[in-house]
Amino acid sequence: MAQQKWLIVRVLCFVVLYFSANTASSQSNNDLLNRISRLESEMNDLNRHVFSEKRTIESPSSQNGIKTASEPLVVKSRRAVEITSHQSAAAQNIIKLQRLEALVRSLQGLSEELNNRIDKLVGDLDRRLAVLETDAPFKDKVIARQQAENPNAISVVSNQKKDKKSGVLGYLPDSVNKKTASNLDSTKVISSVPPQKENKKASLLPVGTPNERYKHAFQYLRKRDYKKAEAALLEFINAHGDDPLAANANYWLGKTFYTRGLYDKAAEIFITGYEKYSTSPKTADSLLGLGFSLVRLKRPEDACLAFGQLLNEFPQLASSTKKKAITESKRIGCEG
């Protein structure tokens, strides 16, 4: 009996344990199932959320300007792109501006360099001309000797123009005019070179065009070989008296005499250029040279007449020539 009771108790315990284990296992399975269900629900919610945002971005309503929940993100991205593009354009403009500034600075430097070179060239040209015009030796002994040998050297050269311009400067006696004009050929230029002998000297000018021969003669003047320049220029004038360059050659021939202090000879050549080549651009320069020669010959009244004739007859005179005439006129005390 006791054994049967004990067996019954054991069986009951086993049954209780069996059902309790089944109950715990069932509860555990239910928990897992609930958790899985919740995860599936959350995944479905997440999928729906993502799918709804994607459709909102691609929907026609957002493209037509209808406000949606995702519009602020799109606007921000567009603004960011626009700001980036503006910054890039501004940076490119700054680079271009810097390049232009550098180019302007380089051009300014080049312009200043060219101006300096031009100033140097002008100064060098002025110095060279000054040597021919105002830097010549004029010692008192030379002037005295020239005046003693030929006190009335200045004369009217061209018979063809004598009636028109004779006495226009008012400084030559009629007896000197007649004596000088009778001894000169109207087609020849006065020269300090004595009459050539029958045996002709070798030519200083090469065979060529008048322009080439004139340039060759002028080279002696550049080298300050005034004797050869005198002979070459005279040869050119006698050979090409009708060429337009003859007036230039006559003017520089006078300069060769002036530079060597032979002011009476220079005055003769200058008045020849004034009368014979009256239409040449060198006419005014010849008249200016005549005035300076007369100043060196101690004849200020005649020089004033020459300067006055220059200023009155050539109103469109070059500024440099006009300035020289006015300055010298004031220095020697010309009236007016």
C-alpha atoms as a PDB file:
ATOM      1  CA  MET A   1       0.000   0.000   0.000  1.00  0.00           C
ATOM      2  CA  ALA A   2       2.750   2.285   0.906  1.00  0.00           C
ATOM      3  CA  GLN A   3       4.548   1.293  -2.272  1.00  0.00           C
ATOM      4  CA  GLN A   4       1.492   1.997  -4.328  1.00  0.00           C
ATOM      5  CA  LYS A   5       1.132   5.444  -2.775  1.00  0.00           C
ATOM      6  CA  TRP A   6       4.750   6.160  -3.373  1.00  0.00           C
ATOM      7  CA  LEU A   7       4.354   5.116  -7.025  1.00  0.00           C
ATOM      8  CA  ILE A   8       1.290   7.267  -7.415  1.00  0.00           C
ATOM      9  CA  VAL A   9       3.217  10.224  -5.976  1.00  0.00           C
ATOM     10  CA  ARG A  10       6.082   9.641  -8.362  1.00  0.00           C
ATOM     11  CA  VAL A  11       3.732   9.408 -11.303  1.00  0.00           C
ATOM     12  CA  LEU A  12       2.023  12.616 -10.279  1.00  0.00           C
ATOM     13  CA  CYS A  13       5.362  14.366  -9.894  1.00  0.00           C
ATOM     14  CA  PHE A  14       6.402  13.212 -13.325  1.00  0.00           C
ATOM     15  CA  VAL A  15       3.164  14.431 -14.812  1.00  0.00           C
ATOM     16  CA  VAL A  16       3.552  17.804 -13.111  1.00  0.00           C
ATOM     17  CA  LEU A  17       7.110  18.123 -14.264  1.00  0.00           C
ATOM     18  CA  TYR A  18       6.174  17.108 -17.794  1.00  0.00           C
ATOM     19  CA  PHE A  19       3.391  19.648 -18.028  1.00  0.00           C
ATOM     20  CA  SER A  20       5.489  22.372 -16.393  1.00  0.00           C
ATOM     21  CA  ALA A  21       8.285  21.794 -18.934  1.00  0.00           C
ATOM     22  CA  ASN A  22       5.839  21.902 -21.787  1.00  0.00           C
ATOM     23  CA  THR A  23       4.341  25.104 -20.419  1.00  0.00           C
ATOM     24  CA  ALA A  24       7.782  26.802 -20.186  1.00  0.00           C
ATOM     25  CA  SER A  25       8.717  25.649 -23.687  1.00  0.00           C
ATOM     26  CA  SER A  26       5.449  26.922 -25.043  1.00  0.00           C
ATOM     27  CA  GLN A  27       5.954  30.313 -23.392  1.00  0.00           C
ATOM     28  CA  SER A  28       9.477  30.537 -24.813  1.00  0.00           C
ATOM     29  CA  ASN A  29       8.251  29.717 -28.297  1.00  0.00           C
ATOM     30  CA  ASN A  30       5.533  32.296 -28.005  1.00  0.00           C
ATOM     31  CA  ASP A  31       8.061  34.953 -27.018  1.00  0.00           C
ATOM     32  CA  LEU A  32      10.192  34.140 -30.015  1.00  0.00           C
ATOM     33  CA  LEU A  33       7.225  34.230 -32.301  1.00  0.00           C
ATOM     34  CA  ASN A  34       6.156  37.588 -30.885  1.00  0.00           C
ATOM     35  CA  ARG A  35       9.631  39.031 -31.361  1.00  0.00           C
ATOM     36  CA  ILE A  36       9.799  37.756 -34.914  1.00  0.00           C
ATOM     37  CA  SER A  37       6.404  39.244 -35.616  1.00  0.00           C
ATOM     38  CA  ARG A  38       7.473  42.597 -34.236  1.00  0.00           C
ATOM     39  CA  LEU A  39      10.654  42.533 -36.375  1.00  0.00           C
ATOM     40  CA  GLU A  40       8.636  41.703 -39.458  1.00  0.00           C
ATOM     41  CA  SER A  41       6.235  44.552 -38.665  1.00  0.00           C
ATOM     42  CA  GLU A  42       9.099  47.012 -38.192  1.00  0.00           C
ATOM     43  CA  MET A  43      10.718  45.858 -41.443  1.00  0.00           C
ATOM     44  CA  ASN A  44       7.445  46.378 -43.269  1.00  0.00           C
ATOM     45  CA  ASP A  45       7.081  49.842 -41.758  1.00  0.00           C
ATOM     46  CA  LEU A  46      10.660  50.696 -42.759  1.00  0.00           C
ATOM     47  CA  ASN A  47      10.117  49.456 -46.319  1.00  0.00           C
ATOM     48  CA  ARG A  48       6.938  51.479 -46.617  1.00  0.00           C
ATOM     49  CA  HIS A  49       8.715  54.573 -45.311  1.00  0.00           C
ATOM     50  CA  VAL A  50      11.625  54.263 -47.743  1.00  0.00           C
ATOM     51  CA  PHE A  51       9.336  53.496 -50.668  1.00  0.00           C
ATOM     52  CA  SER A  52       7.121  56.498 -49.856  1.00  0.00           C
ATOM     53  CA  GLU A  53      10.183  58.894 -49.746  1.00  0.00           C
ATOM     54  CA  LYS A  54      11.451  57.586 -53.069  1.00  0.00           C
ATOM     55  CA  ARG A  55       8.099  58.136 -54.740  1.00  0.00           C
ATOM     56  CA  THR A  56       7.876  61.592 -53.208  1.00  0.00           C
ATOM     57  CA  ILE A  57      11.210  62.643 -54.768  1.00  0.00           C
ATOM     58  CA  GLU A  58      10.308  61.236 -58.198  1.00  0.00           C
ATOM     59  CA  SER A  59       6.659  62.260 -58.164  1.00  0.00           C
ATOM     60  CA  PRO A  60       5.384  64.848 -60.741  1.00  0.00           C
ATOM     61  CA  SER A  61       3.950  66.956 -57.971  1.00  0.00           C
ATOM     62  CA  SER A  62       7.445  67.749 -56.692  1.00  0.00           C
ATOM     63  CA  GLN A  63       8.625  68.612 -60.229  1.00  0.00           C
ATOM     64  CA  ASN A  64       5.652  70.950 -60.734  1.00  0.00           C
ATOM     65  CA  GLY A  65       6.489  72.951 -57.643  1.00  0.00           C
ATOM     66  CA  ILE A  66       3.988  71.344 -55.211  1.00  0.00           C
ATOM     67  CA  LYS A  67       5.492  71.290 -51.759  1.00  0.00           C
ATOM     68  CA  THR A  68       6.229  67.863 -50.379  1.00  0.00           C
ATOM     69  CA  ALA A  69       7.953  66.586 -47.329  1.00  0.00           C
ATOM     70  CA  SER A  70      11.251  66.072 -49.195  1.00  0.00           C
ATOM     71  CA  GLU A  71      11.304  69.518 -50.913  1.00  0.00           C
ATOM     72  CA  PRO A  72      13.593  71.228 -48.346  1.00  0.00           C
ATOM     73  CA  LEU A  73      16.320  68.659 -49.028  1.00  0.00           C
ATOM     74  CA  VAL A  74      16.122  69.219 -52.782  1.00  0.00           C
ATOM     75  CA  VAL A  75      16.168  72.996 -52.377  1.00  0.00           C
ATOM     76  CA  LYS A  76      19.183  72.808 -50.100  1.00  0.00           C
ATOM     77  CA  SER A  77      21.040  70.623 -52.565  1.00  0.00           C
ATOM     78  CA  ARG A  78      20.236  72.981 -55.432  1.00  0.00           C
ATOM     79  CA  ARG A  79      21.358  75.975 -53.418  1.00  0.00           C
ATOM     80  CA  ALA A  80      24.554  74.203 -52.550  1.00  0.00           C
ATOM     81  CA  VAL A  81      25.204  73.502 -56.238  1.00  0.00           C
ATOM     82  CA  GLU A  82      24.440  77.123 -57.174  1.00  0.00           C
ATOM     83  CA  ILE A  83      26.729  78.466 -54.436  1.00  0.00           C
ATOM     84  CA  THR A  84      29.513  76.179 -55.587  1.00  0.00           C
ATOM     85  CA  SER A  85      29.121  77.265 -59.217  1.00  0.00           C
ATOM     86  CA  HIS A  86      29.100  80.953 -58.212  1.00  0.00           C
ATOM     87  CA  GLN A  87      32.240  80.494 -56.151  1.00  0.00           C
ATOM     88  CA  SER A  88      33.951  78.757 -59.058  1.00  0.00           C
ATOM     89  CA  ALA A  89      32.981  81.552 -61.474  1.00  0.00           C
ATOM     90  CA  ALA A  90      34.178  84.204 -59.028  1.00  0.00           C
ATOM     91  CA  ALA A  91      37.508  82.427 -58.651  1.00  0.00           C
ATOM     92  CA  GLN A  92      37.923  82.297 -62.451  1.00  0.00           C
ATOM     93  CA  ASN A  93      37.121  86.014 -62.743  1.00  0.00           C
ATOM     94  CA  ILE A  94      39.688  86.849 -60.081  1.00  0.00           C
ATOM     95  CA  ILE A  95      42.327  84.839 -61.950  1.00  0.00           C
ATOM     96  CA  LYS A  96      41.474  86.629 -65.223  1.00  0.00           C
ATOM     97  CA  LEU A  97      41.617  90.006 -63.492  1.00  0.00           C
ATOM     98  CA  GLN A  98      45.032  89.219 -62.031  1.00  0.00           C
ATOM     99  CA  ARG A  99      46.288  88.219 -65.473  1.00  0.00           C
ATOM    100  CA  LEU A 100      44.974  91.447 -66.992  1.00  0.00           C
ATOM    101  CA  GLU A 101      46.645  93.498 -64.258  1.00  0.00           C
ATOM    102  CA  ALA A 102      49.942  91.742 -64.925  1.00  0.00           C
ATOM    103  CA  LEU A 103      49.568  92.422 -68.657  1.00  0.00           C
ATOM    104  CA  VAL A 104      48.835  96.107 -68.023  1.00  0.00           C
ATOM    105  CA  ARG A 105      51.907  96.401 -65.798  1.00  0.00           C
ATOM    106  CA  SER A 106      54.096  94.786 -68.463  1.00  0.00           C
ATOM    107  CA  LEU A 107      52.700  97.124 -71.139  1.00  0.00           C
ATOM    108  CA  GLN A 108      53.331 100.138 -68.925  1.00  0.00           C
ATOM    109  CA  GLY A 109      56.923  99.037 -68.416  1.00  0.00           C
ATOM    110  CA  LEU A 110      57.369  98.567 -72.160  1.00  0.00           C
ATOM    111  CA  SER A 111      55.862 102.000 -72.837  1.00  0.00           C
ATOM    112  CA  GLU A 112      58.229 103.659 -70.348  1.00  0.00           C
ATOM    113  CA  GLU A 113      61.196 101.885 -71.908  1.00  0.00           C
ATOM    114  CA  LEU A 114      60.192 103.054 -75.396  1.00  0.00           C
ATOM    115  CA  ASN A 115      59.712 106.619 -74.152  1.00  0.00           C
ATOM    116  CA  ASN A 116      63.175 106.568 -72.587  1.00  0.00           C
ATOM    117  CA  ARG A 117      64.702 105.301 -75.821  1.00  0.00           C
ATOM    118  CA  ILE A 118      62.905 107.987 -77.827  1.00  0.00           C
ATOM    119  CA  ASP A 119      64.091 110.675 -75.420  1.00  0.00           C
ATOM    120  CA  LYS A 120      67.664 109.423 -75.759  1.00  0.00           C
ATOM    121  CA  LEU A 121      67.412 109.416 -79.551  1.00  0.00           C
ATOM    122  CA  VAL A 122      65.981 112.945 -79.589  1.00  0.00           C
ATOM    123  CA  GLY A 123      68.690 114.149 -77.235  1.00  0.00           C
ATOM    124  CA  ASP A 124      71.403 112.554 -79.342  1.00  0.00           C
ATOM    125  CA  LEU A 125      69.959 114.131 -82.501  1.00  0.00           C
ATOM    126  CA  ASP A 126      69.811 117.539 -80.814  1.00  0.00           C
ATOM    127  CA  ARG A 127      73.439 117.250 -79.760  1.00  0.00           C
ATOM    128  CA  ARG A 128      74.520 116.306 -83.279  1.00  0.00           C
ATOM    129  CA  LEU A 129      72.622 119.221 -84.785  1.00  0.00           C
ATOM    130  CA  ALA A 130      74.023 121.542 -82.132  1.00  0.00           C
ATOM    131  CA  VAL A 131      77.514 120.603 -83.264  1.00  0.00           C
ATOM    132  CA  LEU A 132      76.637 121.769 -86.772  1.00  0.00           C
ATOM    133  CA  GLU A 133      74.735 124.896 -85.736  1.00  0.00           C
ATOM    134  CA  THR A 134      76.041 126.400 -82.521  1.00  0.00           C
ATOM    135  CA  ASP A 135      79.143 124.490 -81.456  1.00  0.00           C
ATOM    136  CA  ALA A 136      81.463 125.660 -84.236  1.00  0.00           C
ATOM    137  CA  PRO A 137      84.743 127.467 -83.481  1.00  0.00           C
ATOM    138  CA  PHE A 138      84.558 131.170 -84.210  1.00  0.00           C
ATOM    139  CA  LYS A 139      87.789 132.735 -83.034  1.00  0.00           C
ATOM    140  CA  ASP A 140      88.261 136.439 -83.462  1.00  0.00           C
ATOM    141  CA  LYS A 141      91.353 135.956 -85.580  1.00  0.00           C
ATOM    142  CA  VAL A 142      89.523 133.819 -88.118  1.00  0.00           C
ATOM    143  CA  ILE A 143      86.660 136.296 -88.354  1.00  0.00           C
ATOM    144  CA  ALA A 144      89.064 139.201 -88.760  1.00  0.00           C
ATOM    145  CA  ARG A 145      90.948 137.386 -91.513  1.00  0.00           C
ATOM    146  CA  GLN A 146      87.737 136.495 -93.360  1.00  0.00           C
ATOM    147  CA  GLN A 147      86.428 140.040 -93.207  1.00  0.00           C
ATOM    148  CA  ALA A 148      89.764 141.432 -94.355  1.00  0.00           C
ATOM    149  CA  GLU A 149      89.944 139.084 -97.323  1.00  0.00           C
ATOM    150  CA  ASN A 150      86.323 139.407 -98.471  1.00  0.00           C
ATOM    151  CA  PRO A 151      84.315 141.998 -96.500  1.00  0.00           C
ATOM    152  CA  ASN A 152      81.357 141.996 -98.930  1.00  0.00           C
ATOM    153  CA  ALA A 153      81.032 138.289 -99.595  1.00  0.00           C
ATOM    154  CA  ILE A 154      77.273 138.019 -99.291  1.00  0.00           C
ATOM    155  CA  SER A 155      75.560 138.362-102.619  1.00  0.00           C
ATOM    156  CA  VAL A 156      72.550 137.427-104.652  1.00  0.00           C
ATOM    157  CA  VAL A 157      73.347 134.265-106.579  1.00  0.00           C
ATOM    158  CA  SER A 158      70.511 133.483-108.926  1.00  0.00           C
ATOM    159  CA  ASN A 159      69.973 135.937-111.809  1.00  0.00           C
ATOM    160  CA  GLN A 160      66.711 134.202-112.499  1.00  0.00           C
ATOM    161  CA  LYS A 161      65.304 135.157-109.107  1.00  0.00           C
ATOM    162  CA  LYS A 162      67.159 138.440-108.692  1.00  0.00           C
ATOM    163  CA  ASP A 163      64.315 140.693-109.796  1.00  0.00           C
ATOM    164  CA  LYS A 164      61.956 138.971-107.411  1.00  0.00           C
ATOM    165  CA  LYS A 165      64.068 138.804-104.237  1.00  0.00           C
ATOM    166  CA  SER A 166      66.950 141.240-104.743  1.00  0.00           C
ATOM    167  CA  GLY A 167      67.216 143.548-101.791  1.00  0.00           C
ATOM    168  CA  VAL A 168      64.454 141.795 -99.902  1.00  0.00           C
ATOM    169  CA  LEU A 169      66.718 141.541 -96.863  1.00  0.00           C
ATOM    170  CA  GLY A 170      68.078 145.068 -97.394  1.00  0.00           C
ATOM    171  CA  TYR A 171      71.674 144.532 -96.414  1.00  0.00           C
ATOM    172  CA  LEU A 172      73.634 144.372 -99.708  1.00  0.00           C
ATOM    173  CA  PRO A 173      74.916 147.419-101.612  1.00  0.00           C
ATOM    174  CA  ASP A 174      73.868 147.487-105.264  1.00  0.00           C
ATOM    175  CA  SER A 175      77.464 147.674-106.432  1.00  0.00           C
ATOM    176  CA  VAL A 176      78.283 144.412-104.648  1.00  0.00           C
ATOM    177  CA  ASN A 177      75.202 142.731-106.109  1.00  0.00           C
ATOM    178  CA  LYS A 178      76.102 143.722-109.668  1.00  0.00           C
ATOM    179  CA  LYS A 179      79.765 142.781-109.260  1.00  0.00           C
ATOM    180  CA  THR A 180      78.991 139.400-107.716  1.00  0.00           C
ATOM    181  CA  ALA A 181      76.155 138.533-110.073  1.00  0.00           C
ATOM    182  CA  SER A 182      78.250 139.317-113.142  1.00  0.00           C
ATOM    183  CA  ASN A 183      80.933 136.877-112.023  1.00  0.00           C
ATOM    184  CA  LEU A 184      78.608 133.928-111.315  1.00  0.00           C
ATOM    185  CA  ASP A 185      76.763 131.531-113.540  1.00  0.00           C
ATOM    186  CA  SER A 186      73.064 131.411-112.637  1.00  0.00           C
ATOM    187  CA  THR A 187      73.035 127.627-112.859  1.00  0.00           C
ATOM    188  CA  LYS A 188      76.041 127.050-110.546  1.00  0.00           C
ATOM    189  CA  VAL A 189      76.290 127.253-106.773  1.00  0.00           C
ATOM    190  CA  ILE A 190      78.883 129.462-105.093  1.00  0.00           C
ATOM    191  CA  SER A 191      81.788 127.432-103.785  1.00  0.00           C
ATOM    192  CA  SER A 192      84.908 128.075-101.762  1.00  0.00           C
ATOM    193  CA  VAL A 193      86.711 125.516-103.889  1.00  0.00           C
ATOM    194  CA  PRO A 194      88.973 127.268-106.463  1.00  0.00           C
ATOM    195  CA  PRO A 195      88.137 126.794-110.154  1.00  0.00           C
ATOM    196  CA  GLN A 196      89.015 123.323-111.232  1.00  0.00           C
ATOM    197  CA  LYS A 197      91.913 122.818-113.566  1.00  0.00           C
ATOM    198  CA  GLU A 198      91.638 121.008-116.851  1.00  0.00           C
ATOM    199  CA  ASN A 199      92.653 117.779-115.147  1.00  0.00           C
ATOM    200  CA  LYS A 200      89.541 116.725-113.277  1.00  0.00           C
ATOM    201  CA  LYS A 201      89.875 115.375-109.761  1.00  0.00           C
ATOM    202  CA  ALA A 202      88.649 111.938-108.895  1.00  0.00           C
ATOM    203  CA  SER A 203      84.979 111.861-108.096  1.00  0.00           C
ATOM    204  CA  LEU A 204      84.007 111.406-104.453  1.00  0.00           C
ATOM    205  CA  LEU A 205      80.585 110.083-105.378  1.00  0.00           C
ATOM    206  CA  PRO A 206      79.916 106.557-106.615  1.00  0.00           C
ATOM    207  CA  VAL A 207      77.949 105.738-109.721  1.00  0.00           C
ATOM    208  CA  GLY A 208      74.292 105.367-108.859  1.00  0.00           C
ATOM    209  CA  THR A 209      70.975 107.146-108.400  1.00  0.00           C
ATOM    210  CA  PRO A 210      70.812 110.693-107.017  1.00  0.00           C
ATOM    211  CA  ASN A 211      69.488 109.333-103.743  1.00  0.00           C
ATOM    212  CA  GLU A 212      72.398 106.906-103.383  1.00  0.00           C
ATOM    213  CA  ARG A 213      74.956 109.585-104.267  1.00  0.00           C
ATOM    214  CA  TYR A 214      73.402 112.042-101.806  1.00  0.00           C
ATOM    215  CA  LYS A 215      73.573 109.495 -98.989  1.00  0.00           C
ATOM    216  CA  HIS A 216      77.225 108.830 -99.821  1.00  0.00           C
ATOM    217  CA  ALA A 217      78.042 112.542 -99.689  1.00  0.00           C
ATOM    218  CA  PHE A 218      76.188 112.904 -96.403  1.00  0.00           C
ATOM    219  CA  GLN A 219      78.342 110.190 -94.855  1.00  0.00           C
ATOM    220  CA  TYR A 220      81.340 112.557 -94.933  1.00  0.00           C
ATOM    221  CA  LEU A 221      79.287 115.016 -92.924  1.00  0.00           C
ATOM    222  CA  ARG A 222      78.446 112.363 -90.357  1.00  0.00           C
ATOM    223  CA  LYS A 223      82.130 111.563 -90.022  1.00  0.00           C
ATOM    224  CA  ARG A 224      82.859 115.315 -89.590  1.00  0.00           C
ATOM    225  CA  ASP A 225      85.177 115.255 -92.560  1.00  0.00           C
ATOM    226  CA  TYR A 226      83.952 118.673 -93.641  1.00  0.00           C
ATOM    227  CA  LYS A 227      86.400 119.200 -96.488  1.00  0.00           C
ATOM    228  CA  LYS A 228      85.378 116.013 -98.258  1.00  0.00           C
ATOM    229  CA  ALA A 229      81.750 116.722 -97.396  1.00  0.00           C
ATOM    230  CA  GLU A 230      82.093 120.136 -99.033  1.00  0.00           C
ATOM    231  CA  ALA A 231      83.572 118.660-102.215  1.00  0.00           C
ATOM    232  CA  ALA A 232      81.072 115.765-102.358  1.00  0.00           C
ATOM    233  CA  LEU A 233      78.032 117.970-101.783  1.00  0.00           C
ATOM    234  CA  LEU A 234      79.228 120.484-104.370  1.00  0.00           C
ATOM    235  CA  GLU A 235      79.760 117.666-106.848  1.00  0.00           C
ATOM    236  CA  PHE A 236      76.251 116.415-106.185  1.00  0.00           C
ATOM    237  CA  ILE A 237      74.722 119.891-106.693  1.00  0.00           C
ATOM    238  CA  ASN A 238      76.548 120.409-109.976  1.00  0.00           C
ATOM    239  CA  ALA A 239      75.544 116.942-111.208  1.00  0.00           C
ATOM    240  CA  HIS A 240      71.953 116.901-109.932  1.00  0.00           C
ATOM    241  CA  GLY A 241      70.950 120.546-109.635  1.00  0.00           C
ATOM    242  CA  ASP A 242      67.345 119.819-110.620  1.00  0.00           C
ATOM    243  CA  ASP A 243      66.878 116.963-108.180  1.00  0.00           C
ATOM    244  CA  PRO A 244      64.757 117.694-105.059  1.00  0.00           C
ATOM    245  CA  LEU A 245      67.720 116.630-102.910  1.00  0.00           C
ATOM    246  CA  ALA A 246      69.819 119.486-104.342  1.00  0.00           C
ATOM    247  CA  ALA A 247      68.214 121.883-101.837  1.00  0.00           C
ATOM    248  CA  ASN A 248      69.206 119.605 -98.959  1.00  0.00           C
ATOM    249  CA  ALA A 249      72.730 119.278-100.337  1.00  0.00           C
ATOM    250  CA  ASN A 250      72.999 123.071-100.648  1.00  0.00           C
ATOM    251  CA  TYR A 251      71.888 123.553 -97.039  1.00  0.00           C
ATOM    252  CA  TRP A 252      74.394 121.036 -95.663  1.00  0.00           C
ATOM    253  CA  LEU A 253      77.100 122.555 -97.841  1.00  0.00           C
ATOM    254  CA  GLY A 254      76.491 125.818 -96.019  1.00  0.00           C
ATOM    255  CA  LYS A 255      76.717 123.944 -92.726  1.00  0.00           C
ATOM    256  CA  THR A 256      80.187 122.647 -93.610  1.00  0.00           C
ATOM    257  CA  PHE A 257      81.384 126.262 -93.941  1.00  0.00           C
ATOM    258  CA  TYR A 258      79.541 127.441 -90.837  1.00  0.00           C
ATOM    259  CA  THR A 259      80.964 124.646 -88.700  1.00  0.00           C
ATOM    260  CA  ARG A 260      84.521 125.536 -89.745  1.00  0.00           C
ATOM    261  CA  GLY A 261      84.016 129.212 -88.962  1.00  0.00           C
ATOM    262  CA  LEU A 262      83.806 130.282 -92.619  1.00  0.00           C
ATOM    263  CA  TYR A 263      80.734 132.382 -91.998  1.00  0.00           C
ATOM    264  CA  ASP A 264      80.998 134.522 -95.140  1.00  0.00           C
ATOM    265  CA  LYS A 265      81.050 131.386 -97.312  1.00  0.00           C
ATOM    266  CA  ALA A 266      78.212 129.916 -95.299  1.00  0.00           C
ATOM    267  CA  ALA A 267      76.124 133.063 -95.776  1.00  0.00           C
ATOM    268  CA  GLU A 268      76.647 132.858 -99.545  1.00  0.00           C
ATOM    269  CA  ILE A 269      75.445 129.265 -99.684  1.00  0.00           C
ATOM    270  CA  PHE A 270      72.467 129.913 -97.404  1.00  0.00           C
ATOM    271  CA  ILE A 271      71.219 132.834 -99.449  1.00  0.00           C
ATOM    272  CA  THR A 272      71.613 130.667-102.557  1.00  0.00           C
ATOM    273  CA  GLY A 273      69.391 128.051-100.992  1.00  0.00           C
ATOM    274  CA  TYR A 274      66.863 130.722 -99.994  1.00  0.00           C
ATOM    275  CA  GLU A 275      66.638 132.153-103.505  1.00  0.00           C
ATOM    276  CA  LYS A 276      67.264 129.213-105.809  1.00  0.00           C
ATOM    277  CA  TYR A 277      65.271 126.595-103.890  1.00  0.00           C
ATOM    278  CA  SER A 278      62.447 128.793-102.629  1.00  0.00           C
ATOM    279  CA  THR A 279      59.891 125.958-102.772  1.00  0.00           C
ATOM    280  CA  SER A 280      62.020 123.453-100.874  1.00  0.00           C
ATOM    281  CA  PRO A 281      61.335 122.498 -97.233  1.00  0.00           C
ATOM    282  CA  LYS A 282      64.944 123.538 -96.557  1.00  0.00           C
ATOM    283  CA  THR A 283      64.317 127.170 -97.550  1.00  0.00           C
ATOM    284  CA  ALA A 284      63.409 128.222 -94.028  1.00  0.00           C
ATOM    285  CA  ASP A 285      66.450 126.416 -92.606  1.00  0.00           C
ATOM    286  CA  SER A 286      68.683 128.198 -95.117  1.00  0.00           C
ATOM    287  CA  LEU A 287      67.280 131.556 -94.057  1.00  0.00           C
ATOM    288  CA  LEU A 288      67.880 130.648 -90.407  1.00  0.00           C
ATOM    289  CA  GLY A 289      71.454 129.661 -91.215  1.00  0.00           C
ATOM    290  CA  LEU A 290      71.921 132.987 -92.997  1.00  0.00           C
ATOM    291  CA  GLY A 291      70.803 134.845 -89.878  1.00  0.00           C
ATOM    292  CA  PHE A 292      73.226 132.942 -87.647  1.00  0.00           C
ATOM    293  CA  SER A 293      76.057 133.513 -90.117  1.00  0.00           C
ATOM    294  CA  LEU A 294      75.396 137.239 -90.094  1.00  0.00           C
ATOM    295  CA  VAL A 295      75.451 137.249 -86.302  1.00  0.00           C
ATOM    296  CA  ARG A 296      78.899 135.617 -86.359  1.00  0.00           C
ATOM    297  CA  LEU A 297      80.020 138.227 -88.923  1.00  0.00           C
ATOM    298  CA  LYS A 298      79.136 140.982 -86.420  1.00  0.00           C
ATOM    299  CA  ARG A 299      76.242 142.247 -88.524  1.00  0.00           C
ATOM    300  CA  PRO A 300      73.299 142.141 -86.089  1.00  0.00           C
ATOM    301  CA  GLU A 301      71.103 144.527 -88.124  1.00  0.00           C
ATOM    302  CA  ASP A 302      71.285 142.291 -91.178  1.00  0.00           C
ATOM    303  CA  ALA A 303      70.758 139.241 -88.997  1.00  0.00           C
ATOM    304  CA  CYS A 304      67.594 140.826 -87.552  1.00  0.00           C
ATOM    305  CA  LEU A 305      66.317 141.362 -91.092  1.00  0.00           C
ATOM    306  CA  ALA A 306      66.978 137.699 -91.912  1.00  0.00           C
ATOM    307  CA  PHE A 307      65.199 136.488 -88.774  1.00  0.00           C
ATOM    308  CA  GLY A 308      62.278 138.840 -89.380  1.00  0.00           C
ATOM    309  CA  GLN A 309      61.976 137.650 -92.977  1.00  0.00           C
ATOM    310  CA  LEU A 310      61.974 134.062 -91.730  1.00  0.00           C
ATOM    311  CA  LEU A 311      59.189 134.608 -89.184  1.00  0.00           C
ATOM    312  CA  ASN A 312      57.033 136.660 -91.564  1.00  0.00           C
ATOM    313  CA  GLU A 313      57.411 134.556 -94.685  1.00  0.00           C
ATOM    314  CA  PHE A 314      56.977 131.153 -93.034  1.00  0.00           C
ATOM    315  CA  PRO A 315      54.017 131.280 -90.612  1.00  0.00           C
ATOM    316  CA  GLN A 316      53.874 127.469 -90.480  1.00  0.00           C
ATOM    317  CA  LEU A 317      57.473 127.261 -89.376  1.00  0.00           C
ATOM    318  CA  ALA A 318      58.618 124.237 -87.380  1.00  0.00           C
ATOM    319  CA  SER A 319      58.534 124.938 -83.664  1.00  0.00           C
ATOM    320  CA  SER A 320      62.235 124.190 -83.151  1.00  0.00           C
ATOM    321  CA  THR A 321      63.317 126.514 -85.993  1.00  0.00           C
ATOM    322  CA  LYS A 322      60.945 129.235 -84.840  1.00  0.00           C
ATOM    323  CA  LYS A 323      62.229 128.990 -81.278  1.00  0.00           C
ATOM    324  CA  LYS A 324      65.840 129.334 -82.420  1.00  0.00           C
ATOM    325  CA  ALA A 325      65.031 132.404 -84.536  1.00  0.00           C
ATOM    326  CA  ILE A 326      63.102 134.117 -81.736  1.00  0.00           C
ATOM    327  CA  THR A 327      65.731 133.307 -79.108  1.00  0.00           C
ATOM    328  CA  GLU A 328      68.608 134.611 -81.225  1.00  0.00           C
ATOM    329  CA  SER A 329      66.622 137.695 -82.214  1.00  0.00           C
ATOM    330  CA  LYS A 330      66.082 138.582 -78.571  1.00  0.00           C
ATOM    331  CA  ARG A 331      69.711 137.883 -77.730  1.00  0.00           C
ATOM    332  CA  ILE A 332      71.056 140.314 -80.324  1.00  0.00           C
ATOM    333  CA  GLY A 333      68.404 142.927 -79.512  1.00  0.00           C
ATOM    334  CA  CYS A 334      66.169 142.835 -82.573  1.00  0.00           C
ATOM    335  CA  GLU A 335      63.141 145.088 -82.389  1.00  0.00           C
ATOM    336  CA  GLY A 336      59.644 143.656 -82.531  1.00  0.00           C
END
